[in-house]
Protein backbone atom coordinates (compact mmCIF):
# COMPACT_ATOMS: atom_id res chain seq x y z
CA MET A 1 30.09 -6.96 -12.86
CA ASP A 2 29.40 -7.01 -16.58
CA PHE A 3 26.34 -8.63 -17.95
CA SER A 4 27.63 -9.12 -21.45
CA PRO A 5 27.12 -12.64 -22.87
CA VAL A 6 30.73 -13.60 -22.18
CA SER A 7 30.72 -12.54 -18.50
CA ASN A 8 27.14 -13.07 -17.43
CA ILE A 9 27.81 -14.55 -13.92
CA MET A 10 24.42 -13.39 -12.50
CA ASN A 11 22.51 -15.37 -15.15
CA ASN A 12 23.80 -18.69 -13.62
CA GLU A 13 20.91 -19.85 -11.47
CA ASN A 14 23.40 -22.00 -9.48
CA VAL A 15 25.32 -19.16 -7.96
CA ASN A 16 24.99 -19.43 -4.13
CA ASP A 17 26.05 -17.25 -1.27
CA GLU A 18 29.15 -19.62 -0.72
CA ASP A 19 30.37 -18.55 -4.12
CA ARG A 20 30.92 -14.93 -3.01
CA ASP A 21 34.07 -13.79 -1.03
CA GLU A 22 33.85 -11.27 1.77
CA SER A 23 33.75 -8.35 -0.54
CA GLY A 24 30.66 -9.72 -2.21
CA GLU A 25 32.46 -10.73 -5.51
CA PHE A 26 31.68 -14.12 -7.04
CA PHE A 27 34.22 -16.83 -7.38
CA GLY A 28 34.39 -20.42 -8.16
CA THR A 29 31.82 -20.07 -10.88
CA VAL A 30 32.73 -19.81 -14.60
CA ALA A 31 30.25 -18.10 -16.83
CA THR A 32 29.99 -18.94 -20.43
CA ALA A 33 28.36 -17.49 -23.54
CA ARG A 34 25.96 -20.49 -23.62
CA GLU A 35 24.00 -19.38 -20.52
CA ARG A 36 20.47 -18.57 -21.26
CA ILE A 37 18.61 -15.41 -20.08
CA SER A 38 15.00 -14.36 -20.17
CA PHE A 39 13.08 -11.22 -19.25
CA ASN A 40 11.45 -12.90 -16.22
CA SER A 41 14.83 -14.11 -15.01
CA ILE A 42 16.34 -10.62 -15.28
CA VAL A 43 13.47 -8.97 -13.56
CA ARG A 44 13.70 -11.47 -10.64
CA LYS A 45 17.37 -10.55 -10.08
CA MET A 46 16.54 -6.92 -10.16
CA ARG A 47 14.07 -7.38 -7.40
CA ASP A 48 16.11 -9.83 -5.39
CA ASN A 49 17.63 -7.89 -2.46
CA ARG A 50 20.43 -10.24 -2.18
CA LYS A 51 21.50 -10.39 -5.80
CA LYS A 52 20.87 -6.97 -6.98
CA LYS A 53 23.49 -5.42 -4.79
CA PHE A 54 26.21 -7.45 -6.52
CA ILE A 55 25.34 -6.22 -10.07
CA ALA A 56 28.07 -3.63 -10.80
CA SER A 57 27.10 -2.66 -14.38
CA PRO A 58 23.73 -1.24 -15.57
CA ASP A 59 23.87 -3.32 -18.73
CA ILE A 60 21.20 -5.51 -17.15
CA ILE A 61 18.75 -2.75 -17.67
CA VAL A 62 19.57 -2.80 -21.40
CA GLN A 63 18.82 -6.52 -21.49
CA ALA A 64 15.49 -6.10 -19.66
CA VAL A 65 14.27 -3.23 -22.04
CA LEU A 66 15.21 -5.18 -24.91
CA LEU A 67 13.36 -8.33 -23.97
CA GLY A 68 10.18 -6.97 -22.39
CA PRO A 69 8.36 -3.87 -21.00
CA LEU A 70 10.30 -2.91 -17.83
CA ASP A 71 8.19 -1.43 -15.00
CA HIS A 72 9.51 1.77 -13.52
CA ASN A 73 8.85 0.59 -10.01
CA THR A 74 11.18 -2.43 -10.68
CA LEU A 75 13.93 -0.11 -11.91
CA GLU A 76 13.50 2.49 -9.06
CA ARG A 77 13.73 -0.34 -6.56
CA PHE A 78 16.74 -1.88 -8.22
CA LEU A 79 18.61 1.44 -8.07
CA GLN A 80 17.90 2.21 -4.42
CA ASP A 81 20.79 0.13 -3.02
CA HIS A 82 23.31 1.45 -5.54
CA ASN A 83 25.57 4.57 -5.31
CA GLU A 84 25.27 7.79 -7.10
CA GLU A 85 27.82 6.78 -9.75
CA PHE A 86 25.93 3.77 -10.69
CA ILE A 87 22.65 5.74 -10.79
CA GLN A 88 24.33 8.39 -13.05
CA LYS A 89 25.54 5.67 -15.56
CA THR A 90 21.96 4.36 -15.62
CA LYS A 91 20.68 7.80 -16.49
CA GLU A 92 23.25 8.20 -19.26
CA LEU A 93 22.46 4.74 -20.50
CA LEU A 94 18.80 5.43 -20.66
CA PHE A 95 19.23 8.73 -22.38
CA GLU A 96 21.54 7.03 -24.97
CA MET A 97 18.91 4.42 -25.68
CA GLU A 98 16.41 7.05 -26.51
CA THR A 99 18.54 8.11 -29.38
CA TRP A 100 19.12 4.48 -30.89
CA ASP A 101 18.16 4.08 -34.53
CA GLU A 102 17.38 0.57 -35.84
CA ALA A 103 21.08 -0.06 -36.58
CA LYS A 104 22.05 0.38 -32.96
CA TYR A 105 19.12 -1.56 -31.85
CA ASP A 106 20.20 -4.53 -34.02
CA LYS A 107 23.82 -4.30 -32.74
CA ALA A 108 22.60 -4.45 -29.09
CA ILE A 109 20.39 -7.47 -29.87
CA CYS A 110 23.41 -9.30 -31.30
CA THR A 111 25.68 -8.40 -28.34
CA LYS A 112 23.38 -8.18 -25.36
CA VAL A 113 20.59 -10.72 -25.75
CA HIS A 114 21.66 -13.07 -28.42
CA ASN A 115 21.47 -15.93 -25.79
CA ALA A 116 17.95 -15.22 -24.68
CA THR A 117 15.41 -17.96 -24.40
CA HIS A 118 12.72 -16.08 -26.28
CA LEU A 119 12.62 -13.35 -28.98
CA PRO A 120 13.29 -9.82 -28.08
CA LEU A 121 10.83 -6.96 -28.74
CA THR A 122 10.69 -5.62 -32.20
CA PHE A 123 12.32 -2.26 -32.86
CA GLU A 124 8.93 -0.53 -32.79
CA GLY A 125 7.96 -2.50 -29.51
CA PHE A 126 11.33 -1.54 -28.03
CA GLN A 127 10.74 2.25 -28.72
CA ILE A 128 7.15 2.03 -27.27
CA SER A 129 8.35 0.22 -24.10
CA LEU A 130 11.23 2.52 -23.61
CA GLN A 131 9.02 5.56 -24.07
CA ASP A 132 6.51 4.31 -21.49
CA LEU A 133 9.36 3.66 -19.05
CA MET A 134 10.81 7.16 -19.55
CA ASN A 135 7.48 8.82 -19.25
CA SER A 136 6.80 6.99 -16.03
CA LEU A 137 10.17 7.92 -14.61
CA ARG A 138 9.66 11.55 -15.62
CA ASP A 139 6.09 11.61 -14.47
CA THR A 140 5.06 12.97 -17.77
CA GLU A 141 2.13 10.44 -18.43
CA THR A 142 -0.71 12.18 -19.96
CA LYS A 143 -3.05 10.30 -17.79
CA ARG A 144 -2.63 9.17 -14.08
CA GLU A 145 -5.11 6.36 -14.55
CA PRO A 146 -3.74 3.14 -13.02
CA ARG A 147 -3.37 0.08 -15.37
CA ARG A 148 -6.63 -1.84 -15.40
CA MET A 149 -7.18 -4.99 -13.53
CA SER A 150 -6.91 -8.30 -15.42
CA TYR A 151 -9.77 -9.93 -17.18
CA GLU A 152 -9.76 -12.91 -15.07
CA TRP A 153 -9.65 -10.82 -11.91
CA ALA A 154 -12.51 -8.75 -12.99
CA ARG A 155 -14.63 -11.85 -13.89
CA LYS A 156 -14.05 -13.41 -10.54
CA SER A 157 -14.89 -10.15 -8.68
CA LEU A 158 -18.23 -10.07 -10.45
CA GLN A 159 -18.84 -13.71 -9.72
CA ILE A 160 -17.96 -13.60 -5.99
CA GLY A 161 -19.53 -10.24 -5.52
CA LEU A 162 -22.93 -11.40 -6.78
CA LYS A 163 -22.53 -14.51 -4.50
CA ARG A 164 -21.89 -12.46 -1.34
CA LEU A 165 -24.60 -10.05 -2.07
CA PHE A 166 -27.54 -12.53 -2.52
CA LEU A 167 -26.38 -15.80 -1.02
CA GLU A 168 -23.95 -14.97 1.83
CA LYS A 169 -25.57 -11.61 2.42
CA CYS A 170 -22.25 -10.05 3.46
CA LEU A 171 -22.02 -7.35 0.94
CA LEU A 172 -23.83 -3.93 0.83
CA PRO A 173 -25.85 -3.33 -2.38
CA GLU A 174 -23.95 -0.10 -2.94
CA GLN A 175 -20.62 -1.74 -2.59
CA PHE A 176 -21.45 -4.36 -5.12
CA HIS A 177 -22.81 -1.75 -7.55
CA ASP A 178 -19.39 0.02 -7.29
CA ILE A 179 -17.47 -3.17 -7.83
CA ALA A 180 -19.58 -4.23 -10.86
CA HIS A 181 -19.37 -0.78 -12.26
CA SER A 182 -15.52 -0.77 -12.02
CA ALA A 183 -15.00 -4.20 -13.32
CA LEU A 184 -17.36 -3.80 -16.43
CA VAL A 185 -15.98 -0.33 -17.43
CA GLN A 186 -12.39 -1.79 -17.45
CA HIS A 187 -13.65 -4.87 -19.38
CA PRO A 188 -16.95 -4.24 -21.26
CA GLN A 189 -16.74 -7.54 -22.92
CA LEU A 190 -17.52 -9.17 -19.58
CA LYS A 191 -21.17 -7.93 -19.59
CA CYS A 192 -22.59 -10.91 -21.26
CA THR A 193 -20.65 -13.19 -18.88
CA PHE A 194 -21.81 -11.27 -15.87
CA LEU A 195 -25.46 -11.52 -16.83
CA LYS A 196 -25.15 -15.28 -17.23
CA PHE A 197 -24.15 -15.49 -13.62
CA PHE A 198 -27.69 -14.61 -12.62
CA ALA A 199 -28.95 -17.69 -14.36
CA LEU A 200 -26.76 -20.06 -12.43
CA PRO A 201 -28.49 -22.85 -10.49
CA GLU A 202 -27.23 -21.60 -7.08
CA TYR A 203 -29.52 -18.54 -7.48
CA LYS A 204 -32.64 -20.69 -8.03
CA GLN A 205 -34.12 -19.93 -4.51
CA VAL A 206 -33.65 -16.08 -4.95
CA LYS A 207 -34.68 -15.68 -8.76
CA SER A 208 -38.19 -14.62 -7.74
CA ASN A 209 -36.81 -12.09 -5.28
CA GLU A 210 -37.85 -8.60 -6.30
CA ARG A 211 -34.38 -7.09 -5.47
CA PHE A 212 -32.65 -9.86 -7.53
CA ILE A 213 -34.92 -9.20 -10.61
CA HIS A 214 -34.30 -5.44 -10.15
CA GLU A 215 -30.42 -5.96 -9.94
CA TYR A 216 -30.50 -8.04 -13.14
CA GLU A 217 -32.50 -5.62 -15.09
CA LYS A 218 -30.40 -2.71 -14.00
CA TRP A 219 -27.25 -4.37 -15.47
CA VAL A 220 -29.07 -5.29 -18.64
CA LYS A 221 -29.62 -1.64 -19.23
CA PHE A 222 -26.08 -0.80 -18.27
CA ASP A 223 -23.68 0.49 -21.06
CA PRO A 224 -19.99 0.03 -19.94
CA TYR A 225 -18.81 1.69 -23.10
CA ASP A 226 -20.67 5.03 -22.15
CA GLN A 227 -19.21 5.22 -18.56
CA THR A 228 -15.95 6.08 -16.85
CA ARG A 229 -14.41 4.07 -14.08
CA THR A 230 -14.50 6.66 -11.41
CA GLU A 231 -17.67 8.68 -12.05
CA ILE A 232 -20.25 6.31 -10.83
CA ASN A 233 -24.01 7.01 -11.18
CA ASN A 234 -24.93 5.41 -7.90
CA HIS A 235 -28.37 4.00 -7.84
CA TYR A 236 -28.18 4.11 -4.15
CA SER A 237 -27.57 7.75 -3.88
CA GLY A 238 -30.62 8.13 -1.76
CA ILE A 239 -29.05 6.10 0.97
CA THR A 240 -27.30 8.44 3.39
CA SER A 241 -25.50 7.68 6.67
CA ASP A 242 -24.93 10.14 9.39
CA LEU A 243 -21.17 10.62 9.85
CA TYR A 244 -21.71 10.96 13.54
CA LYS A 245 -24.22 8.14 14.01
CA GLU A 246 -23.46 6.04 17.13
CA ILE A 247 -23.46 2.31 16.68
CA PRO A 248 -23.16 -0.02 19.71
CA GLY A 249 -19.69 -1.55 19.99
CA LEU A 250 -18.24 0.65 17.42
CA LEU A 251 -16.08 3.90 17.63
CA SER A 252 -17.91 7.09 16.50
CA ILE A 253 -16.79 10.61 15.44
CA PRO A 254 -17.64 12.94 18.33
CA ALA A 255 -20.28 15.58 17.50
CA ASP A 256 -17.86 18.46 18.09
CA VAL A 257 -15.14 17.09 15.55
CA LYS A 258 -15.63 18.66 12.02
CA VAL A 259 -15.05 16.57 8.88
CA HIS A 260 -13.86 18.52 5.76
CA PHE A 261 -13.52 16.84 2.27
CA ILE A 262 -10.96 18.94 0.34
CA ASP A 263 -10.99 18.59 -3.53
CA SER A 264 -9.52 21.96 -4.44
CA LEU A 265 -6.15 23.99 -4.03
CA GLU A 266 -8.17 26.62 -2.11
CA GLY A 267 -9.30 23.91 0.43
CA ALA A 268 -5.75 22.65 0.76
CA ILE A 269 -4.49 26.18 1.50
CA ALA A 270 -7.14 26.64 4.17
CA MET A 271 -6.18 23.38 5.84
CA GLU A 272 -2.49 24.54 5.91
CA VAL A 273 -3.45 27.74 7.47
CA ASP A 274 -5.38 25.99 10.16
CA ILE A 275 -2.62 23.36 10.88
CA PHE A 276 0.39 25.82 10.90
CA GLY A 277 -1.64 28.58 12.57
CA ARG A 278 -1.84 26.29 15.75
CA PHE A 279 1.87 26.79 16.39
CA VAL A 280 1.04 30.16 17.74
CA THR A 281 0.02 28.34 20.95
CA GLU A 282 1.42 24.92 20.61
CA SER A 283 5.05 23.73 20.32
CA HIS A 284 4.08 20.58 18.46
CA LEU A 285 1.06 18.87 17.08
CA VAL A 286 -0.27 15.28 17.05
CA VAL A 287 -2.21 14.17 13.95
CA GLY A 288 -3.51 10.87 12.78
CA ILE A 289 -2.70 9.92 9.22
CA ASP A 290 -4.07 7.27 6.83
CA SER A 291 -4.73 6.82 3.13
CA GLU A 292 -7.12 4.76 1.02
CA TRP A 293 -6.58 3.33 -2.53
CA ASP A 294 -8.69 1.40 -5.03
CA PRO A 295 -7.86 -2.40 -4.97
CA PHE A 296 -9.84 -2.93 -8.11
CA VAL A 297 -7.07 -1.83 -10.42
CA HIS A 298 -3.84 -3.27 -11.59
CA ASN A 299 -2.23 -5.06 -8.66
CA TYR A 300 1.15 -3.44 -8.94
CA ASP A 301 0.03 0.11 -9.55
CA TYR A 302 -1.90 1.01 -6.38
CA ARG A 303 -1.99 4.82 -5.80
CA SER A 304 -3.64 6.51 -2.94
CA SER A 305 -6.83 8.14 -3.76
CA ILE A 306 -7.41 10.01 -0.70
CA LEU A 307 -5.28 11.18 2.35
CA GLN A 308 -6.80 11.60 5.83
CA ILE A 309 -5.26 13.97 8.36
CA ALA A 310 -7.07 14.03 11.70
CA LEU A 311 -6.54 16.57 14.51
CA HIS A 312 -8.27 16.38 17.90
CA ASP A 313 -11.01 18.76 16.67
CA VAL A 314 -11.13 18.41 12.79
CA ILE A 315 -10.63 15.61 10.22
CA TYR A 316 -9.38 16.56 6.68
CA ILE A 317 -9.98 14.16 3.74
CA LEU A 318 -7.97 15.20 0.67
CA ASP A 319 -9.05 13.99 -2.75
CA LEU A 320 -5.65 13.40 -4.32
CA ASN A 321 -7.22 12.45 -7.61
CA ALA A 322 -8.66 15.98 -8.07
CA ILE A 323 -5.59 18.07 -6.96
CA ASP A 324 -2.51 15.83 -7.26
CA ARG A 325 -1.08 17.60 -10.32
CA GLU A 326 -1.09 21.08 -8.67
CA ILE A 327 2.50 22.29 -7.96
CA SER A 328 1.30 24.49 -5.05
CA PHE A 329 -0.58 21.31 -3.54
CA ASN A 330 2.48 19.31 -3.63
CA GLU A 331 4.36 22.13 -1.89
CA ILE A 332 1.77 22.33 0.81
CA LEU A 333 1.95 18.62 1.55
CA SER A 334 5.75 18.72 1.51
CA ARG A 335 5.71 21.33 4.24
CA PHE A 336 3.37 19.20 6.17
CA TRP A 337 5.39 15.86 5.90
CA SER A 338 8.81 17.49 6.50
CA ASP A 339 7.80 19.65 9.57
CA LYS A 340 9.47 18.10 12.68
CA ARG A 341 6.91 19.76 14.93
CA ILE A 342 4.08 17.55 13.62
CA LEU A 343 3.96 14.19 15.03
CA LYS A 344 2.25 12.00 12.42
CA PHE A 345 0.79 8.71 13.94
CA GLY A 346 -0.16 5.98 11.40
CA TYR A 347 -0.93 2.22 11.71
CA GLN A 348 1.49 0.12 9.77
CA PHE A 349 2.01 3.10 7.58
CA ALA A 350 4.79 1.62 5.35
CA GLU A 351 2.25 0.50 2.60
CA ASP A 352 0.35 3.67 2.72
CA LEU A 353 3.57 5.70 2.15
CA VAL A 354 4.44 3.71 -0.97
CA CYS A 355 1.00 4.39 -2.39
CA LEU A 356 1.14 7.93 -1.50
CA ARG A 357 4.50 8.35 -3.24
CA ARG A 358 3.13 6.74 -6.38
CA ALA A 359 0.23 9.22 -6.26
CA LEU A 360 2.35 12.31 -5.47
CA PRO A 361 5.83 11.60 -7.00
CA ARG A 362 6.61 15.35 -7.02
CA CYS A 363 5.93 15.65 -3.27
CA VAL A 364 9.47 15.75 -1.94
CA GLY A 365 8.25 15.73 1.63
CA LEU A 366 6.95 12.09 1.18
CA PHE A 367 10.36 10.96 0.41
CA GLN A 368 12.01 12.67 3.35
CA PRO A 369 9.24 12.84 5.96
CA ALA A 370 9.83 13.82 9.59
CA HIS A 371 8.31 11.98 12.61
CA ILE A 372 6.04 9.42 11.09
CA ILE A 373 5.22 7.25 14.04
CA CYS A 374 3.64 3.77 13.67
CA ILE A 375 1.33 3.55 16.71
CA GLU A 376 1.67 -0.28 17.00
CA ASN A 377 5.33 0.17 17.80
CA ILE A 378 4.51 2.47 20.69
CA VAL A 379 1.96 0.08 22.04
CA ASN A 380 4.39 -2.86 21.68
CA TYR A 381 7.09 -0.74 23.45
CA LEU A 382 4.73 0.01 26.45
CA GLN A 383 3.70 -3.66 26.63
CA ARG A 384 7.31 -4.74 26.98
CA MET A 385 7.99 -2.09 29.66
CA SER A 386 4.98 -3.05 31.51
CA LEU A 387 6.05 -6.76 31.51
CA GLN A 388 9.51 -5.81 32.42
CA LYS A 389 8.36 -3.76 35.35
CA GLY A 390 5.61 -6.09 36.41
CA PHE A 391 2.97 -3.38 35.72
CA ASP A 392 -0.70 -4.32 35.43
CA MET A 393 -1.61 -2.92 32.10
CA GLU A 394 -5.23 -4.18 32.05
CA GLU A 395 -6.53 -0.73 32.38
CA TYR A 396 -4.72 0.57 29.35
CA PHE A 397 -4.47 -2.55 27.22
CA PRO A 398 -7.05 -4.94 28.29
CA SER A 399 -6.89 -8.65 27.51
CA GLU A 400 -8.85 -9.44 24.28
CA VAL A 401 -12.44 -8.78 24.51
CA GLU A 402 -15.10 -9.92 22.02
CA ASP A 403 -17.92 -7.81 20.73
CA ASN A 404 -20.32 -9.66 18.37
CA ASN A 405 -21.69 -6.44 16.92
CA ALA A 406 -18.27 -5.20 16.08
CA LYS A 407 -17.33 -8.49 14.57
CA LYS A 408 -20.47 -8.36 12.44
CA TYR A 409 -19.30 -5.08 10.90
CA GLN A 410 -15.75 -6.36 10.38
CA LYS A 411 -16.87 -9.39 8.50
CA PHE A 412 -19.15 -7.27 6.24
CA ASN A 413 -16.53 -7.16 3.56
CA PHE A 414 -15.95 -8.16 -0.15
CA MET A 415 -12.32 -8.88 0.26
CA LYS A 416 -10.05 -10.25 2.97
CA ARG A 417 -7.13 -8.05 3.62
CA THR A 418 -3.84 -8.97 4.99
CA ALA A 419 -1.94 -6.77 7.49
CA LYS A 420 -0.85 -3.52 6.04
CA ALA A 421 2.79 -4.40 6.33
CA THR A 422 2.30 -6.66 3.25
CA THR A 423 2.35 -5.24 -0.26
CA SER A 424 -1.28 -5.49 -1.22
CA ARG A 425 -4.89 -6.03 -0.19
CA THR A 426 -5.82 -9.53 -1.21
CA LEU A 427 -8.90 -11.23 -2.65
CA PRO A 428 -10.89 -14.07 -1.02
CA GLU A 429 -9.74 -17.61 -1.76
CA GLU A 430 -12.46 -17.96 -4.40
CA ILE A 431 -10.75 -15.23 -6.52
CA ALA A 432 -7.44 -16.86 -6.66
CA PRO A 433 -5.83 -16.20 -10.05
CA LEU A 434 -6.20 -18.88 -12.57
CA SER A 435 -3.16 -17.70 -14.66
CA SER A 436 0.31 -16.52 -13.98
CA ASN A 437 -0.45 -13.18 -15.63
CA ASP A 438 1.20 -10.39 -13.62
CA ASP A 439 -2.17 -8.56 -13.62
CA SER A 440 -3.65 -11.14 -11.33
CA PRO A 441 -3.72 -10.30 -7.66
CA PRO A 442 -1.54 -12.40 -5.29
CA GLN A 443 -3.54 -14.74 -2.92
CA GLU A 444 -1.28 -13.60 -0.01
CA ILE A 445 1.96 -11.59 0.00
CA LYS A 446 4.05 -12.62 2.85
CA GLU A 447 7.13 -10.45 2.01
CA PRO A 448 7.33 -7.05 3.66
CA VAL A 449 6.47 -4.08 1.54
CA ASN A 450 10.09 -3.00 1.13
CA ASN A 451 10.83 -6.19 -0.96
CA HIS A 452 8.59 -4.90 -3.68
CA GLU A 453 8.68 -1.02 -3.61
CA PRO A 454 11.16 1.30 -4.99
CA TYR A 455 10.65 4.06 -2.41
CA VAL A 456 10.98 2.09 0.85
CA ASN A 457 14.07 1.22 2.85
CA ASP A 458 14.45 -1.14 5.75
CA ASP A 459 13.98 1.54 8.33
CA LEU A 460 10.27 1.57 7.60
CA LEU A 461 9.86 -1.80 9.21
CA SER A 462 12.56 -1.87 11.80
CA TYR A 463 12.76 0.09 15.05
CA PRO A 464 16.17 -0.70 16.57
CA TYR A 465 15.69 1.41 19.65
CA LEU A 466 12.96 -0.85 20.93
CA THR A 467 15.26 -3.88 22.00
CA TYR A 468 14.36 -6.02 24.76
CA PRO A 469 15.11 -9.67 25.92
CA GLU A 470 14.54 -12.10 23.11
CA ASN A 471 11.92 -14.04 24.84
CA GLU A 472 9.57 -11.21 25.86
CA ASN A 473 6.83 -13.63 26.95
CA HIS A 474 8.91 -14.95 29.79
CA ILE A 475 10.47 -11.92 31.50
CA HIS A 476 11.36 -13.24 34.91
CA GLU A 477 13.47 -12.90 37.97
CA GLU A 478 15.46 -15.60 39.61
CA ARG A 479 15.02 -16.68 43.15
CA GLY A 480 17.52 -19.28 44.02
CA ASN A 481 16.92 -22.10 41.47
CA VAL A 482 13.18 -20.99 40.99
CA ILE A 483 12.20 -18.81 38.00
CA VAL A 484 9.09 -16.59 38.91
CA PRO A 485 7.13 -14.92 36.25
CA LYS A 486 6.73 -11.25 36.91
CA HIS A 487 3.31 -10.94 35.25
CA SER A 488 0.76 -13.48 33.87
CA ARG A 489 0.13 -11.41 30.72
CA LYS A 490 1.99 -12.18 27.54
CA PHE A 491 3.31 -9.97 24.86
CA GLU A 492 0.99 -9.40 21.97
CA PRO A 493 2.36 -8.03 18.69
CA VAL A 494 -0.16 -5.21 17.87
CA GLY A 495 0.75 -5.51 14.14
CA LYS A 496 -1.08 -8.88 14.19
CA ILE A 497 -4.31 -7.99 15.97
CA GLY A 498 -5.44 -5.23 13.61
CA LEU A 499 -6.42 -1.57 14.10
CA SER A 500 -10.09 -2.36 14.85
CA ASN A 501 -9.16 -4.85 17.61
CA LEU A 502 -6.63 -2.42 19.05
CA SER A 503 -9.27 0.33 19.10
CA MET A 504 -11.80 -1.92 20.75
CA ARG A 505 -9.33 -2.76 23.58
CA MET A 506 -7.84 0.72 24.20
CA LEU A 507 -10.88 2.96 23.27
CA GLY A 508 -13.86 0.61 24.04
CA GLY A 509 -15.14 0.61 20.54
CA GLY A 510 -14.12 -1.17 17.30
CA LEU A 511 -13.99 0.20 13.66
CA ASP A 512 -16.72 -0.39 11.11
CA LYS A 513 -14.65 -2.19 8.40
CA ARG A 514 -17.34 -2.62 5.77
CA GLU A 515 -15.68 -0.12 3.38
CA GLN A 516 -12.11 -1.18 3.90
CA CYS A 517 -11.73 -2.62 0.42
CA SER A 518 -14.27 -0.64 -1.51
CA VAL A 519 -13.91 1.31 -4.73
CA TRP A 520 -11.97 4.36 -3.41
CA ASP A 521 -11.51 6.05 -6.81
CA ARG A 522 -15.22 6.55 -7.20
CA ARG A 523 -16.61 10.04 -7.00
CA PRO A 524 -18.40 11.17 -5.10
CA LEU A 525 -17.46 9.12 -2.19
CA ARG A 526 -20.51 7.52 -0.37
CA ASP A 527 -21.24 8.59 3.21
CA LEU A 528 -20.08 5.24 4.58
CA GLN A 529 -16.74 5.65 2.80
CA LEU A 530 -16.20 9.07 4.33
CA ARG A 531 -17.15 7.86 7.91
CA TYR A 532 -14.71 4.88 7.49
CA ALA A 533 -11.90 7.08 6.28
CA ALA A 534 -12.47 9.74 8.93
CA LEU A 535 -12.49 7.22 11.86
CA ASP A 536 -9.37 5.23 10.57
CA ALA A 537 -7.21 8.45 11.09
CA PHE A 538 -9.10 9.93 14.14
CA CYS A 539 -8.83 6.72 16.23
CA LEU A 540 -5.09 6.98 16.01
CA ILE A 541 -5.09 10.38 17.99
CA LYS A 542 -7.31 8.67 20.72
CA ILE A 543 -5.04 5.63 20.88
CA TYR A 544 -2.03 7.96 21.34
CA GLU A 545 -3.79 9.75 24.11
CA ARG A 546 -4.30 6.37 25.94
CA CYS A 547 -0.56 5.59 25.22
CA LEU A 548 0.24 8.87 27.02
CA ASP A 549 -1.72 7.97 30.12
CA TRP A 550 -0.19 4.61 30.07
CA SER A 551 3.45 5.92 29.84
CA ASN A 552 2.68 8.45 32.66
CA ALA A 553 1.61 5.57 34.85
CA LEU A 554 4.87 3.77 34.00
CA GLY A 555 6.85 6.81 34.77
CA ILE A 556 8.14 7.23 31.00
CA PHE A 557 8.50 10.44 29.32
CA LEU A 558 6.87 9.21 25.99
CA TYR A 559 7.83 12.36 23.86
CA THR A 560 11.54 11.41 23.93
CA ILE A 561 10.71 7.97 22.51
CA LEU A 562 8.57 9.38 19.72
CA ILE A 563 11.08 11.84 18.31
CA ASP A 564 13.80 9.20 18.43
CA GLN A 565 12.11 6.95 15.86
CA PRO A 566 14.03 6.13 12.62
CA GLN A 567 13.37 8.28 9.70
CA MET A 568 11.27 6.79 6.90
CA HIS A 569 13.29 8.31 4.07
CA ALA A 570 13.62 6.88 0.50
CA PRO A 571 15.39 7.79 -2.69
CA LEU A 572 13.94 10.44 -4.83
CA PRO A 573 12.45 9.45 -8.20
CA LEU A 574 15.04 8.98 -10.88
CA PHE A 575 14.21 11.73 -13.47
CA ILE A 576 11.90 14.11 -11.49
CA GLU A 577 13.54 17.44 -10.79
CA PHE A 578 12.77 19.18 -7.54
CA LYS A 579 13.20 22.88 -7.22
C-alpha cells in the first residue's frame, strides 16, 4: 500500500476493520491528497498491531524521518511482522536516505509530506535525526548512556522522595540519596528548586530534626556539574548489610550459597567454566534468572544494568554496564542462552528479556534463547491439574497467608511497580506527568510488553499447551441434575499475586522488596541491592523444587512440560551483523 499523498489510505483515521476484505486490503474508502498527516499519527500507526501489518510500502518510514526523530525501537517493532522482502526494501531506503543532498531532501518534502499538519525537520535536523537512528540501528553509538529522564519527572521524584523520607518514613536514606543524586546530575538546574522543598510548610515539624538539617546542608554543598550519574559517592557507605542475614518472615540466602559479583571478562569466563563444567555429571541444569534496570532514566530506553544467574550453590551477578561491549562476553552469554540443556526459570520474564536485548544487542542468544520458563505458568498449570483431579494442594501452594513483617518490607518502596508483564515500572500517583512529553513516565501501562517492544513476539506471553476448561474456578462433575464442586479452592493466577507473595506461600518466606525500584545503574551497588538481586533469582530455583515435589504428588512428569514450552524468539536487530 503506497503512502504517497495521492494514495494515503492509512492516513484516514476513519478506516475500520469492516473496510478490509478477507485478504486484509482496504476497500470502500477513497483517499485523497487533502488528507493530513503528522509525525505522531504516523508513529501511532507504526506501533498499532492491527494497522501496521497492512502497510505494504516502507514509504511511511520516509515520512516519519522527515517529520520528526524516529526512534529505533519503533522501527524495529514495526518491521517485526513484515517479510524479508519488506525488510530489505527498508534497508535500501535507509541507505539511500543517507546519501540525500539538499535537493533530494526538498523533493521528498514536496512529494511525501506536503500535506503534513506541521512543518518538517530542516535539512540539518533531518540529517542529525537520520544519523541518530542509523547509529542506534547499527549499535555504533559512542555512549551507551540511556536518554535522561524528563525535567518534570526528575522534579517530582525529588519532591516525593523527600516527603517519603521524612514524613511518611517509607524510604531508606541511602535510597533517597541515590534518587536525588541521579535526578540532579541529569538536571543540574533543579538544585535550587530541590532546596526550596526543604522550606515547605509541611516540613515545619521536622525542621529542627538533626537528620533533616544534615540532609539539607549536604545537598547545599552538592555540585551536580562535578558528578556523573552512575558513580555515586554514597554518604552512607558505612552502612553494611550481611547478605546472609536472616529476617523473620523473609527469605534469606543459605550460608553455603556463594554470591559472586562479576564486572570483568575474566570473571565471566570463570562463570562459564563453572556452569558448563557441571555437564560432566549432569544431563541438564536448572537456573534462576532475573535482571534489574534503572527506572530513573528515559522511560522508553530501559536497559538491564545487571543480570542474575542463580544455581543451587552459587549466585552470579553480572555487571552489564562494565562488560557489555566485550565481544567475548556476548559470545559467552549467547552460549548460555541458547543451550538447551540449561532450563532457565524467570518470573514474568518478558520485560526483562526486552531490557536485556537493549543492553546486549549483539548477543544473538538473547534473540533465539532456548528453554526460558516462566515459573508462574508452571504453578498455574499445577493448580489447574490439582483442581481437575480434586487434589488438595494446600501443602504445596497454601491459601494466602499474611505476614506483617514481610508486608512492612514490601511497602518500604519509593515507587509502586506494576506486574512485570507490563512495559515499565511506574511512579506513585503523586508523580503523574504534568505534560504529554514522551519523556514522562506513564502512570500505568496496561498493554502487554509486546505491544511496545521490537524484540518480542506473542509467544512470550502465550502458552497454548496449558489449555483447560474456560471456567477453571468451577471444575465439576455431574451427578444426575446436581453439579458438585471437586474442590473448594479456586484458581489463582500467579502473575497477579507477585513473586514475593508466591515465595511466601511456597517457601515460607517473602522477599525484601525495598530495593525493587532503586538506582540500579549506580556503582558500586549497595549491600541491600546485592541481597535483593541475589534472592530474586535464587528463590526461583527453590520454587521450582517445590513444583517438582507437587508434580510428583500429582503423578505428572514435569520435565516433559518444561521442555515443551514455546520459544521466546524475536527478530534480530536490523543492521547488526552477527558472525
